[in-house]
Amino acid sequence: MSGIRMEGDWRRFENCLHKLVNFNFTGMHKEIGEAMVSSTRKRFKDEKGPDGQAWPKSIRAKKEGGQTLTDTAHLKNSITSKAQADGVAWGTNHKTASTHQGKNGRPVKIRAKGKWLKFKVGDGWVRKKSVTIPARPFIGISDADIKEIDGIITDRIKETTR
C-alpha cells in the first residue's frame, strides 16, 4: 500500500484552520458589495458596460450635451448592495433598470399601450407608437472587478489567519 507523507509545521496550519472557523463572511461580502456598487456607479460616469463597451449615446445626451443615463442620476443612485454570510447581491429595483440594462445585452422595444408613447426630447414633445431602447448594461462584473474581489478575499483571509 502506498501513501502520501507530509511534513511541516502542522501547528501553524491547524491554527490557521481554527482562525478560519470564525471568519467574518458577512463583513467580507459587505466589502465586496460596496466595491461593486462603486464600480457600477462609475460605469455611469464612464458610460461603458462591464465589458468595456461604450454605451450608445442617448438622444437627450446628444441634444443637450449631457451624459447618457445620468439626467437625474436616479438610476445610478439607486444601486445598492446586500450582504449576508452566504453571499452578496447588488443591483437596483428602479423601474427603468431592466429596460436600460437590456435583455441579454439586446435592445428593448417599448410599445404604446394606448395610441401613442409621448415623451419630451429637448424642448419638444414626440409621439411614437413604439421605441427601441439600446442596451446600456451597467450591472455585471468586469475584469477589474474580478481582481478587486480577489484582492478583498485574499486580504481578509490573510488578516484572519495572521
N, C-alpha and C. Protein backbone atom coordinates (compact mmCIF):
# COMPACT_ATOMS: atom_id res chain seq x y z
N MET A 1 0.85 -1.18 0.00
CA MET A 1 0.00 0.00 0.00
C MET A 1 0.89 1.24 0.00
N SER A 2 0.61 2.16 -0.89
CA SER A 2 1.40 3.39 -0.93
C SER A 2 0.60 4.52 -0.30
N GLY A 3 1.26 5.54 0.09
CA GLY A 3 0.60 6.66 0.75
C GLY A 3 1.37 7.95 0.50
N ILE A 4 0.85 8.99 1.07
CA ILE A 4 1.49 10.30 0.95
C ILE A 4 1.95 10.69 2.34
N ARG A 5 3.16 11.14 2.42
CA ARG A 5 3.69 11.60 3.70
C ARG A 5 3.92 13.09 3.58
N MET A 6 3.35 13.83 4.52
CA MET A 6 3.52 15.28 4.51
C MET A 6 4.21 15.69 5.80
N GLU A 7 5.16 16.57 5.65
CA GLU A 7 5.88 17.08 6.80
C GLU A 7 5.80 18.59 6.79
N GLY A 8 5.84 19.15 7.95
CA GLY A 8 5.82 20.60 8.03
C GLY A 8 5.32 21.06 9.38
N ASP A 9 5.06 22.35 9.46
CA ASP A 9 4.58 22.94 10.70
C ASP A 9 3.07 22.79 10.78
N TRP A 10 2.59 21.66 11.25
CA TRP A 10 1.17 21.36 11.33
C TRP A 10 0.47 22.24 12.35
N ARG A 11 1.18 22.63 13.39
CA ARG A 11 0.55 23.50 14.39
C ARG A 11 0.14 24.83 13.76
N ARG A 12 0.99 25.36 12.94
CA ARG A 12 0.66 26.63 12.27
C ARG A 12 -0.55 26.44 11.36
N PHE A 13 -0.56 25.33 10.60
CA PHE A 13 -1.68 25.03 9.72
C PHE A 13 -2.97 24.87 10.52
N GLU A 14 -2.92 24.14 11.62
CA GLU A 14 -4.10 23.94 12.46
C GLU A 14 -4.57 25.27 13.06
N ASN A 15 -3.65 26.12 13.46
CA ASN A 15 -4.01 27.44 13.98
C ASN A 15 -4.78 28.25 12.92
N CYS A 16 -4.28 28.21 11.68
CA CYS A 16 -4.96 28.93 10.60
C CYS A 16 -6.37 28.39 10.40
N LEU A 17 -6.52 27.07 10.42
CA LEU A 17 -7.85 26.48 10.26
C LEU A 17 -8.78 26.89 11.39
N HIS A 18 -8.28 26.89 12.61
CA HIS A 18 -9.11 27.29 13.77
C HIS A 18 -9.54 28.76 13.64
N LYS A 19 -8.65 29.60 13.15
CA LYS A 19 -8.99 31.01 12.98
C LYS A 19 -10.04 31.20 11.89
N LEU A 20 -9.96 30.38 10.85
CA LEU A 20 -10.93 30.49 9.76
C LEU A 20 -12.33 30.05 10.16
N VAL A 21 -12.44 29.28 11.24
CA VAL A 21 -13.77 28.88 11.74
C VAL A 21 -14.59 30.12 12.09
N ASN A 22 -13.93 31.17 12.56
CA ASN A 22 -14.60 32.40 12.95
C ASN A 22 -14.52 33.49 11.87
N PHE A 23 -14.24 33.07 10.65
CA PHE A 23 -14.11 34.02 9.55
C PHE A 23 -15.40 34.82 9.37
N ASN A 24 -15.27 36.12 9.21
CA ASN A 24 -16.42 37.03 9.06
C ASN A 24 -16.83 37.13 7.59
N PHE A 25 -17.60 36.14 7.13
CA PHE A 25 -18.04 36.14 5.74
C PHE A 25 -18.95 37.33 5.44
N THR A 26 -19.82 37.68 6.36
CA THR A 26 -20.74 38.79 6.13
C THR A 26 -19.95 40.09 5.93
N GLY A 27 -18.94 40.31 6.75
CA GLY A 27 -18.11 41.51 6.62
C GLY A 27 -17.38 41.55 5.28
N MET A 28 -16.85 40.40 4.86
CA MET A 28 -16.15 40.33 3.58
C MET A 28 -17.15 40.59 2.44
N HIS A 29 -18.32 39.98 2.52
CA HIS A 29 -19.32 40.18 1.47
C HIS A 29 -19.80 41.63 1.42
N LYS A 30 -19.89 42.26 2.58
CA LYS A 30 -20.28 43.67 2.61
C LYS A 30 -19.23 44.52 1.89
N GLU A 31 -17.97 44.23 2.13
CA GLU A 31 -16.90 44.97 1.47
C GLU A 31 -16.93 44.75 -0.05
N ILE A 32 -17.18 43.51 -0.46
CA ILE A 32 -17.29 43.22 -1.89
C ILE A 32 -18.48 43.97 -2.48
N GLY A 33 -19.61 43.96 -1.78
CA GLY A 33 -20.80 44.67 -2.26
C GLY A 33 -20.56 46.15 -2.43
N GLU A 34 -19.88 46.76 -1.46
CA GLU A 34 -19.57 48.19 -1.55
C GLU A 34 -18.67 48.47 -2.75
N ALA A 35 -17.70 47.59 -2.99
CA ALA A 35 -16.81 47.76 -4.14
C ALA A 35 -17.57 47.65 -5.45
N MET A 36 -18.52 46.71 -5.52
CA MET A 36 -19.28 46.51 -6.75
C MET A 36 -20.28 47.65 -6.98
N VAL A 37 -20.85 48.20 -5.92
CA VAL A 37 -21.72 49.37 -6.06
C VAL A 37 -20.90 50.53 -6.61
N SER A 38 -19.72 50.73 -6.06
CA SER A 38 -18.85 51.81 -6.52
C SER A 38 -18.46 51.62 -7.99
N SER A 39 -18.11 50.40 -8.36
CA SER A 39 -17.73 50.10 -9.73
C SER A 39 -18.90 50.32 -10.68
N THR A 40 -20.09 49.88 -10.26
CA THR A 40 -21.28 50.03 -11.10
C THR A 40 -21.62 51.51 -11.29
N ARG A 41 -21.53 52.30 -10.23
CA ARG A 41 -21.81 53.73 -10.35
C ARG A 41 -20.79 54.43 -11.25
N LYS A 42 -19.55 53.95 -11.22
CA LYS A 42 -18.51 54.54 -12.07
C LYS A 42 -18.82 54.32 -13.55
N ARG A 43 -19.52 53.24 -13.84
CA ARG A 43 -19.89 52.98 -15.24
C ARG A 43 -20.78 54.09 -15.80
N PHE A 44 -21.58 54.69 -14.94
CA PHE A 44 -22.42 55.80 -15.40
C PHE A 44 -21.56 57.00 -15.78
N LYS A 45 -20.50 57.23 -15.04
CA LYS A 45 -19.58 58.33 -15.36
C LYS A 45 -18.82 58.04 -16.65
N ASP A 46 -18.35 56.78 -16.77
CA ASP A 46 -17.57 56.38 -17.95
C ASP A 46 -18.43 56.08 -19.17
N GLU A 47 -19.73 55.85 -18.94
CA GLU A 47 -20.67 55.49 -19.99
C GLU A 47 -20.23 54.23 -20.74
N LYS A 48 -19.83 53.23 -19.95
CA LYS A 48 -19.37 51.96 -20.51
C LYS A 48 -19.94 50.81 -19.69
N GLY A 49 -20.17 49.69 -20.36
CA GLY A 49 -20.65 48.49 -19.69
C GLY A 49 -19.53 47.75 -19.00
N PRO A 50 -19.87 46.69 -18.28
CA PRO A 50 -18.85 45.88 -17.59
C PRO A 50 -17.81 45.29 -18.55
N ASP A 51 -18.20 45.11 -19.81
CA ASP A 51 -17.27 44.56 -20.81
C ASP A 51 -16.38 45.63 -21.43
N GLY A 52 -16.54 46.89 -20.99
CA GLY A 52 -15.72 47.99 -21.51
C GLY A 52 -16.28 48.64 -22.76
N GLN A 53 -17.40 48.12 -23.27
CA GLN A 53 -18.01 48.69 -24.48
C GLN A 53 -18.74 49.99 -24.13
N ALA A 54 -18.53 51.01 -24.95
CA ALA A 54 -19.21 52.29 -24.74
C ALA A 54 -20.71 52.14 -24.99
N TRP A 55 -21.49 52.81 -24.18
CA TRP A 55 -22.95 52.82 -24.37
C TRP A 55 -23.30 53.68 -25.58
N PRO A 56 -24.33 53.30 -26.32
CA PRO A 56 -24.83 54.22 -27.35
C PRO A 56 -25.33 55.50 -26.68
N LYS A 57 -24.97 56.63 -27.24
CA LYS A 57 -25.41 57.92 -26.69
C LYS A 57 -26.93 58.03 -26.80
N SER A 58 -27.54 58.55 -25.76
CA SER A 58 -28.99 58.78 -25.81
C SER A 58 -29.28 60.03 -26.62
N ILE A 59 -30.50 60.12 -27.13
CA ILE A 59 -30.92 61.31 -27.89
C ILE A 59 -30.79 62.54 -27.01
N ARG A 60 -31.24 62.43 -25.75
CA ARG A 60 -31.16 63.57 -24.83
C ARG A 60 -29.72 64.02 -24.63
N ALA A 61 -28.81 63.06 -24.42
CA ALA A 61 -27.40 63.41 -24.19
C ALA A 61 -26.79 64.07 -25.43
N LYS A 62 -27.18 63.60 -26.60
CA LYS A 62 -26.68 64.21 -27.84
C LYS A 62 -27.18 65.65 -27.99
N LYS A 63 -28.47 65.86 -27.73
CA LYS A 63 -29.06 67.19 -27.93
C LYS A 63 -28.63 68.18 -26.86
N GLU A 64 -28.52 67.71 -25.61
CA GLU A 64 -28.23 68.62 -24.50
C GLU A 64 -26.77 68.62 -24.09
N GLY A 65 -25.99 67.72 -24.65
CA GLY A 65 -24.58 67.65 -24.30
C GLY A 65 -24.32 66.99 -22.95
N GLY A 66 -25.29 66.29 -22.43
CA GLY A 66 -25.12 65.62 -21.14
C GLY A 66 -24.60 64.21 -21.30
N GLN A 67 -24.73 63.45 -20.23
CA GLN A 67 -24.30 62.06 -20.25
C GLN A 67 -25.51 61.14 -20.33
N THR A 68 -25.32 60.02 -20.98
CA THR A 68 -26.36 59.02 -21.11
C THR A 68 -26.65 58.39 -19.76
N LEU A 69 -27.94 58.21 -19.44
CA LEU A 69 -28.44 57.61 -18.20
C LEU A 69 -28.13 58.40 -16.93
N THR A 70 -27.78 59.69 -17.08
CA THR A 70 -27.46 60.46 -15.87
C THR A 70 -28.19 61.80 -15.80
N ASP A 71 -29.29 61.94 -16.51
CA ASP A 71 -30.03 63.20 -16.48
C ASP A 71 -30.42 63.56 -15.04
N THR A 72 -31.07 62.65 -14.34
CA THR A 72 -31.45 62.90 -12.95
C THR A 72 -30.57 62.14 -11.96
N ALA A 73 -29.83 61.16 -12.44
CA ALA A 73 -28.96 60.28 -11.63
C ALA A 73 -29.76 59.37 -10.70
N HIS A 74 -31.07 59.29 -10.86
CA HIS A 74 -31.89 58.42 -10.00
C HIS A 74 -31.48 56.96 -10.16
N LEU A 75 -31.27 56.52 -11.40
CA LEU A 75 -30.90 55.13 -11.64
C LEU A 75 -29.53 54.83 -11.01
N LYS A 76 -28.56 55.66 -11.28
CA LYS A 76 -27.22 55.47 -10.73
C LYS A 76 -27.25 55.45 -9.20
N ASN A 77 -27.97 56.37 -8.61
CA ASN A 77 -28.01 56.46 -7.15
C ASN A 77 -28.85 55.38 -6.50
N SER A 78 -29.59 54.62 -7.30
CA SER A 78 -30.41 53.55 -6.74
C SER A 78 -29.64 52.24 -6.58
N ILE A 79 -28.41 52.19 -7.05
CA ILE A 79 -27.61 50.96 -6.95
C ILE A 79 -27.24 50.74 -5.48
N THR A 80 -27.57 49.57 -4.96
CA THR A 80 -27.27 49.22 -3.57
C THR A 80 -26.78 47.78 -3.50
N SER A 81 -26.32 47.39 -2.33
CA SER A 81 -25.89 46.00 -2.13
C SER A 81 -26.46 45.47 -0.82
N LYS A 82 -26.52 44.15 -0.75
CA LYS A 82 -26.97 43.49 0.47
C LYS A 82 -26.06 42.29 0.69
N ALA A 83 -25.44 42.27 1.87
CA ALA A 83 -24.50 41.20 2.21
C ALA A 83 -25.07 40.30 3.28
N GLN A 84 -24.81 39.02 3.13
CA GLN A 84 -25.16 38.02 4.13
C GLN A 84 -23.97 37.07 4.27
N ALA A 85 -24.05 36.17 5.21
CA ALA A 85 -22.95 35.23 5.42
C ALA A 85 -22.70 34.37 4.18
N ASP A 86 -23.76 34.04 3.45
CA ASP A 86 -23.60 33.13 2.32
C ASP A 86 -23.48 33.80 0.96
N GLY A 87 -23.39 35.14 0.92
CA GLY A 87 -23.20 35.80 -0.36
C GLY A 87 -23.52 37.28 -0.32
N VAL A 88 -23.41 37.88 -1.47
CA VAL A 88 -23.67 39.30 -1.62
C VAL A 88 -24.41 39.52 -2.94
N ALA A 89 -25.31 40.47 -2.94
CA ALA A 89 -26.02 40.85 -4.16
C ALA A 89 -25.97 42.36 -4.27
N TRP A 90 -25.90 42.85 -5.49
CA TRP A 90 -26.00 44.29 -5.70
C TRP A 90 -26.81 44.53 -6.96
N GLY A 91 -27.44 45.65 -7.00
CA GLY A 91 -28.27 45.99 -8.15
C GLY A 91 -29.23 47.10 -7.78
N THR A 92 -30.38 47.10 -8.44
CA THR A 92 -31.36 48.15 -8.24
C THR A 92 -32.76 47.60 -8.50
N ASN A 93 -33.73 48.22 -7.88
CA ASN A 93 -35.12 47.88 -8.19
C ASN A 93 -35.79 49.07 -8.91
N HIS A 94 -34.99 49.98 -9.43
CA HIS A 94 -35.51 51.14 -10.16
C HIS A 94 -36.31 50.65 -11.36
N LYS A 95 -37.45 51.28 -11.60
CA LYS A 95 -38.38 50.80 -12.62
C LYS A 95 -37.82 50.82 -14.05
N THR A 96 -36.81 51.64 -14.32
CA THR A 96 -36.26 51.70 -15.68
C THR A 96 -35.01 50.83 -15.86
N ALA A 97 -34.54 50.22 -14.79
CA ALA A 97 -33.27 49.49 -14.83
C ALA A 97 -33.24 48.39 -15.88
N SER A 98 -34.24 47.53 -15.88
CA SER A 98 -34.21 46.39 -16.80
C SER A 98 -34.28 46.85 -18.26
N THR A 99 -34.98 47.93 -18.52
CA THR A 99 -35.05 48.45 -19.89
C THR A 99 -33.68 48.91 -20.34
N HIS A 100 -32.99 49.66 -19.51
CA HIS A 100 -31.68 50.18 -19.89
C HIS A 100 -30.60 49.10 -19.88
N GLN A 101 -30.70 48.14 -18.97
CA GLN A 101 -29.75 47.04 -18.92
C GLN A 101 -29.82 46.22 -20.21
N GLY A 102 -31.03 46.12 -20.76
CA GLY A 102 -31.24 45.33 -21.97
C GLY A 102 -31.61 43.90 -21.61
N LYS A 103 -32.10 43.20 -22.58
CA LYS A 103 -32.45 41.79 -22.40
C LYS A 103 -31.33 40.96 -23.00
N ASN A 104 -30.53 40.37 -22.14
CA ASN A 104 -29.37 39.58 -22.60
C ASN A 104 -28.48 40.40 -23.53
N GLY A 105 -28.31 41.67 -23.19
CA GLY A 105 -27.45 42.55 -23.98
C GLY A 105 -28.08 43.09 -25.25
N ARG A 106 -29.36 42.80 -25.45
CA ARG A 106 -30.04 43.25 -26.65
C ARG A 106 -30.99 44.41 -26.33
N PRO A 107 -31.30 45.24 -27.34
CA PRO A 107 -32.22 46.36 -27.14
C PRO A 107 -33.60 45.89 -26.70
N VAL A 108 -34.33 46.81 -26.09
CA VAL A 108 -35.69 46.53 -25.63
C VAL A 108 -36.64 47.42 -26.42
N LYS A 109 -37.69 46.80 -26.98
CA LYS A 109 -38.70 47.56 -27.72
C LYS A 109 -39.87 47.83 -26.80
N ILE A 110 -40.27 49.09 -26.72
CA ILE A 110 -41.41 49.51 -25.90
C ILE A 110 -42.53 49.93 -26.84
N ARG A 111 -43.70 49.36 -26.65
CA ARG A 111 -44.87 49.69 -27.47
C ARG A 111 -45.90 50.45 -26.64
N ALA A 112 -46.59 51.34 -27.29
CA ALA A 112 -47.62 52.13 -26.61
C ALA A 112 -48.77 51.21 -26.20
N LYS A 113 -49.26 51.38 -24.98
CA LYS A 113 -50.45 50.65 -24.54
C LYS A 113 -51.69 51.30 -25.13
N GLY A 114 -51.65 52.60 -25.24
CA GLY A 114 -52.75 53.34 -25.88
C GLY A 114 -52.37 53.62 -27.31
N LYS A 115 -52.72 54.82 -27.76
CA LYS A 115 -52.44 55.19 -29.14
C LYS A 115 -50.97 55.57 -29.36
N TRP A 116 -50.38 56.27 -28.37
CA TRP A 116 -49.02 56.79 -28.54
C TRP A 116 -48.20 56.67 -27.26
N LEU A 117 -46.90 56.63 -27.47
CA LEU A 117 -45.95 56.94 -26.40
C LEU A 117 -45.65 58.41 -26.59
N LYS A 118 -45.66 59.17 -25.54
CA LYS A 118 -45.38 60.60 -25.65
C LYS A 118 -44.27 60.92 -24.67
N PHE A 119 -43.21 61.53 -25.17
CA PHE A 119 -42.08 61.87 -24.31
C PHE A 119 -41.40 63.13 -24.84
N LYS A 120 -40.69 63.76 -23.93
CA LYS A 120 -40.03 65.02 -24.25
C LYS A 120 -38.60 64.75 -24.70
N VAL A 121 -38.22 65.40 -25.78
CA VAL A 121 -36.84 65.36 -26.28
C VAL A 121 -36.42 66.80 -26.47
N GLY A 122 -35.45 67.24 -25.67
CA GLY A 122 -35.05 68.64 -25.71
C GLY A 122 -36.21 69.51 -25.27
N ASP A 123 -36.57 70.49 -26.10
CA ASP A 123 -37.67 71.40 -25.78
C ASP A 123 -39.01 70.94 -26.34
N GLY A 124 -39.00 69.89 -27.15
CA GLY A 124 -40.24 69.47 -27.81
C GLY A 124 -40.73 68.10 -27.36
N TRP A 125 -41.99 67.84 -27.69
CA TRP A 125 -42.61 66.56 -27.37
C TRP A 125 -42.67 65.71 -28.63
N VAL A 126 -42.50 64.40 -28.44
CA VAL A 126 -42.50 63.45 -29.55
C VAL A 126 -43.56 62.40 -29.26
N ARG A 127 -44.26 61.96 -30.33
CA ARG A 127 -45.23 60.87 -30.20
C ARG A 127 -44.79 59.73 -31.12
N LYS A 128 -44.76 58.54 -30.57
CA LYS A 128 -44.37 57.35 -31.34
C LYS A 128 -45.25 56.18 -30.93
N LYS A 129 -45.44 55.24 -31.84
CA LYS A 129 -46.18 54.02 -31.50
C LYS A 129 -45.27 53.05 -30.73
N SER A 130 -43.97 53.13 -31.00
CA SER A 130 -43.01 52.29 -30.28
C SER A 130 -41.63 52.93 -30.36
N VAL A 131 -40.79 52.56 -29.44
CA VAL A 131 -39.39 52.99 -29.45
C VAL A 131 -38.52 51.80 -29.06
N THR A 132 -37.33 51.80 -29.58
CA THR A 132 -36.36 50.76 -29.23
C THR A 132 -35.27 51.41 -28.40
N ILE A 133 -35.10 50.91 -27.20
CA ILE A 133 -34.08 51.44 -26.29
C ILE A 133 -32.85 50.55 -26.41
N PRO A 134 -31.70 51.11 -26.82
CA PRO A 134 -30.49 50.30 -26.92
C PRO A 134 -30.07 49.79 -25.54
N ALA A 135 -29.49 48.60 -25.52
CA ALA A 135 -28.97 48.07 -24.25
C ALA A 135 -27.78 48.92 -23.82
N ARG A 136 -27.81 49.29 -22.56
CA ARG A 136 -26.70 50.02 -21.94
C ARG A 136 -26.42 49.33 -20.60
N PRO A 137 -25.80 48.15 -20.66
CA PRO A 137 -25.60 47.36 -19.44
C PRO A 137 -24.71 48.08 -18.44
N PHE A 138 -25.14 48.07 -17.20
CA PHE A 138 -24.37 48.67 -16.12
C PHE A 138 -24.12 47.68 -15.00
N ILE A 139 -24.97 46.68 -14.85
CA ILE A 139 -24.77 45.64 -13.84
C ILE A 139 -23.96 44.52 -14.47
N GLY A 140 -22.95 44.06 -13.76
CA GLY A 140 -22.11 42.97 -14.25
C GLY A 140 -20.76 43.03 -13.58
N ILE A 141 -19.92 42.09 -13.93
CA ILE A 141 -18.59 42.01 -13.33
C ILE A 141 -17.54 42.16 -14.43
N SER A 142 -16.73 43.18 -14.30
CA SER A 142 -15.66 43.42 -15.27
C SER A 142 -14.40 42.66 -14.84
N ASP A 143 -13.41 42.65 -15.70
CA ASP A 143 -12.13 42.04 -15.34
C ASP A 143 -11.51 42.74 -14.13
N ALA A 144 -11.64 44.07 -14.09
CA ALA A 144 -11.12 44.83 -12.94
C ALA A 144 -11.88 44.46 -11.66
N ASP A 145 -13.20 44.22 -11.78
CA ASP A 145 -13.99 43.80 -10.62
C ASP A 145 -13.52 42.46 -10.09
N ILE A 146 -13.20 41.54 -10.98
CA ILE A 146 -12.71 40.22 -10.56
C ILE A 146 -11.43 40.38 -9.75
N LYS A 147 -10.54 41.23 -10.22
CA LYS A 147 -9.28 41.47 -9.49
C LYS A 147 -9.56 42.10 -8.13
N GLU A 148 -10.52 43.04 -8.09
CA GLU A 148 -10.88 43.70 -6.83
C GLU A 148 -11.46 42.69 -5.84
N ILE A 149 -12.37 41.85 -6.31
CA ILE A 149 -12.98 40.83 -5.45
C ILE A 149 -11.91 39.86 -4.94
N ASP A 150 -11.04 39.42 -5.83
CA ASP A 150 -9.96 38.51 -5.45
C ASP A 150 -9.06 39.15 -4.39
N GLY A 151 -8.76 40.43 -4.56
CA GLY A 151 -7.92 41.14 -3.58
C GLY A 151 -8.59 41.23 -2.23
N ILE A 152 -9.88 41.51 -2.20
CA ILE A 152 -10.62 41.62 -0.94
C ILE A 152 -10.61 40.27 -0.22
N ILE A 153 -10.90 39.19 -0.95
CA ILE A 153 -10.92 37.85 -0.35
C ILE A 153 -9.54 37.49 0.20
N THR A 154 -8.52 37.70 -0.61
CA THR A 154 -7.15 37.37 -0.18
C THR A 154 -6.76 38.17 1.05
N ASP A 155 -7.04 39.46 1.06
CA ASP A 155 -6.69 40.30 2.20
C ASP A 155 -7.42 39.86 3.47
N ARG A 156 -8.71 39.56 3.36
CA ARG A 156 -9.48 39.15 4.55
C ARG A 156 -8.99 37.81 5.10
N ILE A 157 -8.65 36.87 4.23
CA ILE A 157 -8.12 35.58 4.69
C ILE A 157 -6.77 35.79 5.36
N LYS A 158 -5.91 36.60 4.78
CA LYS A 158 -4.60 36.87 5.39
C LYS A 158 -4.74 37.54 6.75
N GLU A 159 -5.67 38.51 6.86
CA GLU A 159 -5.90 39.19 8.13
C GLU A 159 -6.37 38.20 9.20
N THR A 160 -7.25 37.30 8.80
CA THR A 160 -7.84 36.36 9.75
C THR A 160 -6.84 35.33 10.23
N THR A 161 -5.93 34.91 9.35
CA THR A 161 -5.01 33.81 9.70
C THR A 161 -3.66 34.28 10.23
N ARG A 162 -3.49 35.56 10.43
CA ARG A 162 -2.22 36.05 10.98
C ARG A 162 -2.06 35.61 12.41
